[in-house]
Amino acid sequence: MKLLISPIDIEEAKDAEAGGADIIDVKNPKEGSLGANFPWVIRAIKKVVSKPLSATIGDFGFKPGTASLSALGAAVAGADFIKIGLFDIRTKEQALILLQNVKKAVEDYDSSKKVVAAAYADFERLNTLSPFDLPDVGQKAGIDIVMIDTGIKDGRGLFDFMSEEQVAEFTSSAKKVGLGTALAGSLGWEDIKTIQRISPDIIGIRGLVCGGDRNRRIQRKEVERLKKMI
């Protein structure tokens, strides 16, 4: 299981890598769960870290053209993993069209780069696509990794909305169709053992290594503590 840490700038990225992060995930929490940062920030962080670089491109509704351009921008800026959130997607058909076009935009530029799609554990209150629909859609769209996050950051986390058994079912169904798996969503220290039992490919973290508040700064010692745990 690889540890993905989400910095917002160069200094946080350095601390995340020094603490033991396996993947550096550039994001902007001010713009949402998977809020996009600026292309020049992605480029700048790319220059100072040696680990694979991920970049979030936003919590999207059904705007395939906009999403495709955003995905291409992140790829050109240097991201190895391009992450998109299906925040306001009503149907599997919408999700498929969106992800097919994002995948095409990235693959046409560089086929070695990977596309990651996120559904949300709190999908019912968002009135959006269920995570259980994502493995089938992701496999048909040809993307690489599917993940669960939380859409509204109000202190409630992944396991406030889904049981361990449900999350394990999602992970298992994704692996059966050849997709990588990632779990995130305001995870706490008490959730780490549960995540280990489920055994996704990637665990995504920000708030936990910011002293429990995603709006504070990443602390290297907290990254080290988490890395040691997993």
Protein backbone atom coordinates (compact mmCIF):
# COMPACT_ATOMS: atom_id res chain seq x y z
CA MET A 1 0.00 0.00 0.00
CA LYS A 2 1.49 3.30 -1.13
CA LEU A 3 1.14 6.52 0.85
CA LEU A 4 -0.13 9.51 -1.13
CA ILE A 5 0.20 12.90 0.57
CA SER A 6 -1.45 16.03 -0.82
CA PRO A 7 0.60 19.26 -0.49
CA ILE A 8 -0.46 22.65 -1.76
CA ASP A 9 2.99 24.17 -2.39
CA ILE A 10 6.71 23.44 -2.71
CA GLU A 11 7.53 23.51 1.01
CA GLU A 12 4.71 21.10 1.88
CA ALA A 13 5.79 18.84 -0.98
CA LYS A 14 9.34 18.73 0.37
CA ASP A 15 8.08 17.84 3.85
CA ALA A 16 5.77 15.16 2.45
CA GLU A 17 8.57 13.50 0.50
CA ALA A 18 11.07 13.80 3.37
CA GLY A 19 8.51 12.19 5.66
CA GLY A 20 8.22 9.15 3.42
CA ALA A 21 5.34 9.79 1.01
CA ASP A 22 5.37 7.46 -1.99
CA ILE A 23 3.27 9.76 -4.20
CA ILE A 24 3.10 13.56 -4.05
CA ASP A 25 -0.42 14.76 -4.89
CA VAL A 26 -0.73 18.44 -5.75
CA LYS A 27 -4.11 19.91 -4.87
CA ASN A 28 -5.89 23.04 -3.70
CA PRO A 29 -8.32 22.36 -0.82
CA LYS A 30 -9.84 25.83 -1.21
CA GLU A 31 -11.47 24.64 -4.44
CA GLY A 32 -12.99 21.46 -3.07
CA SER A 33 -12.25 17.86 -2.20
CA LEU A 34 -10.19 17.41 -5.36
CA GLY A 35 -9.62 21.11 -5.97
CA ALA A 36 -7.16 21.96 -8.73
CA ASN A 37 -3.94 23.87 -8.15
CA PHE A 38 -2.18 26.03 -10.73
CA PRO A 39 -0.10 24.50 -13.54
CA TRP A 40 2.97 26.50 -12.48
CA VAL A 41 2.68 25.04 -8.97
CA ILE A 42 2.59 21.52 -10.41
CA ARG A 43 5.65 22.31 -12.56
CA ALA A 44 7.53 23.82 -9.63
CA ILE A 45 6.84 20.85 -7.36
CA LYS A 46 7.83 18.46 -10.14
CA LYS A 47 11.30 20.04 -10.11
CA VAL A 48 11.92 19.50 -6.40
CA VAL A 49 10.56 16.00 -5.73
CA SER A 50 11.76 12.64 -6.98
CA LYS A 51 8.62 10.63 -6.22
CA PRO A 52 5.76 10.19 -8.71
CA LEU A 53 3.58 13.28 -8.98
CA SER A 54 -0.20 13.34 -8.91
CA ALA A 55 -2.46 16.32 -9.53
CA THR A 56 -6.14 16.84 -8.88
CA ILE A 57 -8.13 18.68 -11.56
CA GLY A 58 -11.39 19.34 -9.71
CA ASP A 59 -14.76 18.05 -8.55
CA PHE A 60 -16.56 17.87 -11.89
CA GLY A 61 -20.08 17.93 -13.22
CA PHE A 62 -20.87 16.70 -16.71
CA LYS A 63 -18.43 18.86 -18.68
CA PRO A 64 -16.33 16.44 -20.76
CA GLY A 65 -14.64 19.18 -22.78
CA THR A 66 -13.63 21.24 -19.76
CA ALA A 67 -12.46 18.12 -17.92
CA SER A 68 -10.41 16.96 -20.90
CA LEU A 69 -8.63 20.29 -21.18
CA SER A 70 -7.96 20.31 -17.44
CA ALA A 71 -6.58 16.78 -17.58
CA LEU A 72 -4.30 17.65 -20.48
CA GLY A 73 -3.08 20.72 -18.61
CA ALA A 74 -2.15 18.66 -15.56
CA ALA A 75 -0.37 16.11 -17.75
CA VAL A 76 1.60 18.79 -19.61
CA ALA A 77 2.52 20.43 -16.29
CA GLY A 78 4.18 17.19 -15.21
CA ALA A 79 1.65 15.07 -13.32
CA ASP A 80 2.07 11.30 -13.61
CA PHE A 81 -1.38 10.67 -12.12
CA ILE A 82 -4.33 12.87 -13.12
CA LYS A 83 -7.23 12.75 -10.62
CA ILE A 84 -10.80 13.80 -11.35
CA GLY A 85 -13.78 13.80 -8.99
CA LEU A 86 -17.25 12.78 -10.22
CA PHE A 87 -18.93 15.34 -7.99
CA ASP A 88 -22.07 16.20 -9.94
CA ILE A 89 -22.48 13.18 -12.20
CA ARG A 90 -25.99 11.73 -12.20
CA THR A 91 -25.68 8.58 -14.29
CA LYS A 92 -23.21 5.89 -15.31
CA GLU A 93 -23.59 7.09 -18.89
CA GLN A 94 -22.42 10.59 -17.97
CA ALA A 95 -19.52 9.17 -15.99
CA LEU A 96 -18.46 6.96 -18.90
CA ILE A 97 -18.46 9.79 -21.44
CA LEU A 98 -16.58 12.09 -19.07
CA LEU A 99 -13.88 9.54 -18.23
CA GLN A 100 -13.46 8.32 -21.81
CA ASN A 101 -12.65 11.85 -22.94
CA VAL A 102 -10.34 12.56 -20.00
CA LYS A 103 -8.49 9.32 -20.72
CA LYS A 104 -8.18 10.18 -24.42
CA ALA A 105 -6.80 13.65 -23.66
CA VAL A 106 -4.14 12.21 -21.35
CA GLU A 107 -3.32 9.14 -23.43
CA ASP A 108 -2.94 11.10 -26.67
CA TYR A 109 -0.33 13.26 -24.94
CA ASP A 110 1.52 10.55 -22.99
CA SER A 111 0.22 6.99 -22.66
CA SER A 112 2.41 6.32 -19.60
CA LYS A 113 0.39 8.73 -17.46
CA LYS A 114 -2.48 7.36 -15.39
CA VAL A 115 -6.03 8.60 -14.92
CA VAL A 116 -7.65 8.32 -11.49
CA ALA A 117 -11.39 8.78 -10.97
CA ALA A 118 -12.95 9.44 -7.58
CA ALA A 119 -16.48 8.78 -6.40
CA TYR A 120 -17.68 9.91 -3.00
CA ALA A 121 -18.63 8.01 0.13
CA ASP A 122 -21.23 10.71 0.87
CA PHE A 123 -22.77 10.33 -2.60
CA GLU A 124 -26.33 10.24 -1.28
CA ARG A 125 -26.17 13.73 0.21
CA LEU A 126 -24.41 14.95 -2.94
CA ASN A 127 -26.98 13.23 -5.19
CA THR A 128 -24.21 11.90 -7.40
CA LEU A 129 -22.81 8.61 -8.70
CA SER A 130 -22.46 5.74 -6.24
CA PRO A 131 -18.93 4.41 -5.68
CA PHE A 132 -20.27 0.94 -6.45
CA ASP A 133 -20.90 2.03 -10.06
CA LEU A 134 -17.35 3.28 -10.54
CA PRO A 135 -15.39 0.03 -11.12
CA ASP A 136 -17.61 -0.97 -14.06
CA VAL A 137 -17.53 2.54 -15.55
CA GLY A 138 -13.79 2.87 -14.98
CA GLN A 139 -13.05 -0.44 -16.67
CA LYS A 140 -15.17 0.49 -19.70
CA ALA A 141 -13.57 3.95 -19.92
CA GLY A 142 -10.08 2.46 -19.85
CA ILE A 143 -8.84 4.48 -16.89
CA ASP A 144 -6.27 3.15 -14.44
CA ILE A 145 -7.33 3.71 -10.82
CA VAL A 146 -10.64 4.22 -9.02
CA MET A 147 -10.94 5.73 -5.58
CA ILE A 148 -13.37 6.78 -2.88
CA ASP A 149 -13.12 10.17 -1.18
CA THR A 150 -15.57 12.40 0.69
CA GLY A 151 -17.09 15.30 -1.19
CA ILE A 152 -18.03 17.62 1.66
CA LYS A 153 -15.27 18.24 4.19
CA ASP A 154 -17.21 18.82 7.38
CA GLY A 155 -15.34 16.58 9.80
CA ARG A 156 -17.04 13.36 8.78
CA GLY A 157 -14.90 10.76 7.07
CA LEU A 158 -15.09 7.74 4.79
CA PHE A 159 -16.29 5.32 7.46
CA ASP A 160 -19.03 7.66 8.64
CA PHE A 161 -20.78 6.98 5.34
CA MET A 162 -19.66 3.48 4.37
CA SER A 163 -18.93 0.36 6.42
CA GLU A 164 -15.66 -1.53 6.25
CA GLU A 165 -17.50 -4.30 4.38
CA GLN A 166 -18.83 -1.87 1.77
CA VAL A 167 -15.43 -0.29 1.19
CA ALA A 168 -13.85 -3.76 0.93
CA GLU A 169 -16.50 -4.71 -1.62
CA PHE A 170 -15.65 -1.64 -3.72
CA THR A 171 -11.94 -2.43 -3.59
CA SER A 172 -12.46 -6.09 -4.44
CA SER A 173 -14.76 -5.36 -7.38
CA ALA A 174 -12.26 -2.87 -8.82
CA LYS A 175 -9.37 -5.29 -8.53
CA LYS A 176 -11.41 -8.01 -10.26
CA VAL A 177 -11.66 -5.86 -13.40
CA GLY A 178 -7.97 -4.91 -13.33
CA LEU A 179 -8.18 -1.45 -11.81
CA GLY A 180 -5.93 0.04 -9.18
CA THR A 181 -7.62 1.21 -5.99
CA ALA A 182 -7.25 4.19 -3.67
CA LEU A 183 -9.02 5.26 -0.49
CA ALA A 184 -9.19 8.72 1.06
CA GLY A 185 -11.74 10.89 2.82
CA SER A 186 -10.86 12.65 6.09
CA LEU A 187 -9.27 9.52 7.51
CA GLY A 188 -8.24 9.43 11.18
CA TRP A 189 -5.50 7.55 13.00
CA GLU A 190 -8.13 5.09 14.18
CA ASP A 191 -8.97 4.24 10.54
CA ILE A 192 -5.49 3.11 9.52
CA LYS A 193 -5.82 -0.49 10.73
CA THR A 194 -9.16 -0.77 8.93
CA ILE A 195 -7.57 0.53 5.73
CA GLN A 196 -4.78 -2.02 6.12
CA ARG A 197 -7.32 -4.85 6.35
CA ILE A 198 -9.03 -3.63 3.18
CA SER A 199 -5.63 -3.26 1.49
CA PRO A 200 -6.09 -0.73 -1.32
CA ASP A 201 -3.14 0.07 -3.56
CA ILE A 202 -3.01 3.67 -2.34
CA ILE A 203 -4.11 5.56 0.78
CA GLY A 204 -4.63 9.30 0.27
CA ILE A 205 -4.05 11.71 3.14
CA ARG A 206 -3.90 15.42 3.88
CA GLY A 207 -5.75 16.46 7.06
CA LEU A 208 -4.30 13.67 9.18
CA VAL A 209 -0.73 14.89 8.63
CA CYS A 210 -1.77 18.52 9.14
CA GLY A 211 -2.63 17.92 12.77
CA GLY A 212 -6.18 16.91 11.90
CA ASP A 213 -7.06 20.08 9.97
CA ARG A 214 -6.60 20.01 6.19
CA ASN A 215 -6.40 23.83 6.17
CA ARG A 216 -3.23 23.81 8.28
CA ARG A 217 0.27 22.91 7.07
CA ILE A 218 1.64 19.42 6.45
CA GLN A 219 3.94 18.33 9.28
CA ARG A 220 6.88 16.14 8.33
CA LYS A 221 6.85 14.31 11.68
CA GLU A 222 3.22 13.33 11.15
CA VAL A 223 4.02 11.98 7.68
CA GLU A 224 6.86 9.96 9.22
CA ARG A 225 4.52 8.63 11.91
CA LEU A 226 1.94 7.57 9.36
CA LYS A 227 4.50 6.00 7.06
CA LYS A 228 5.83 3.95 9.95
CA MET A 229 2.30 2.75 10.76
CA ILE A 230 1.58 1.50 7.25
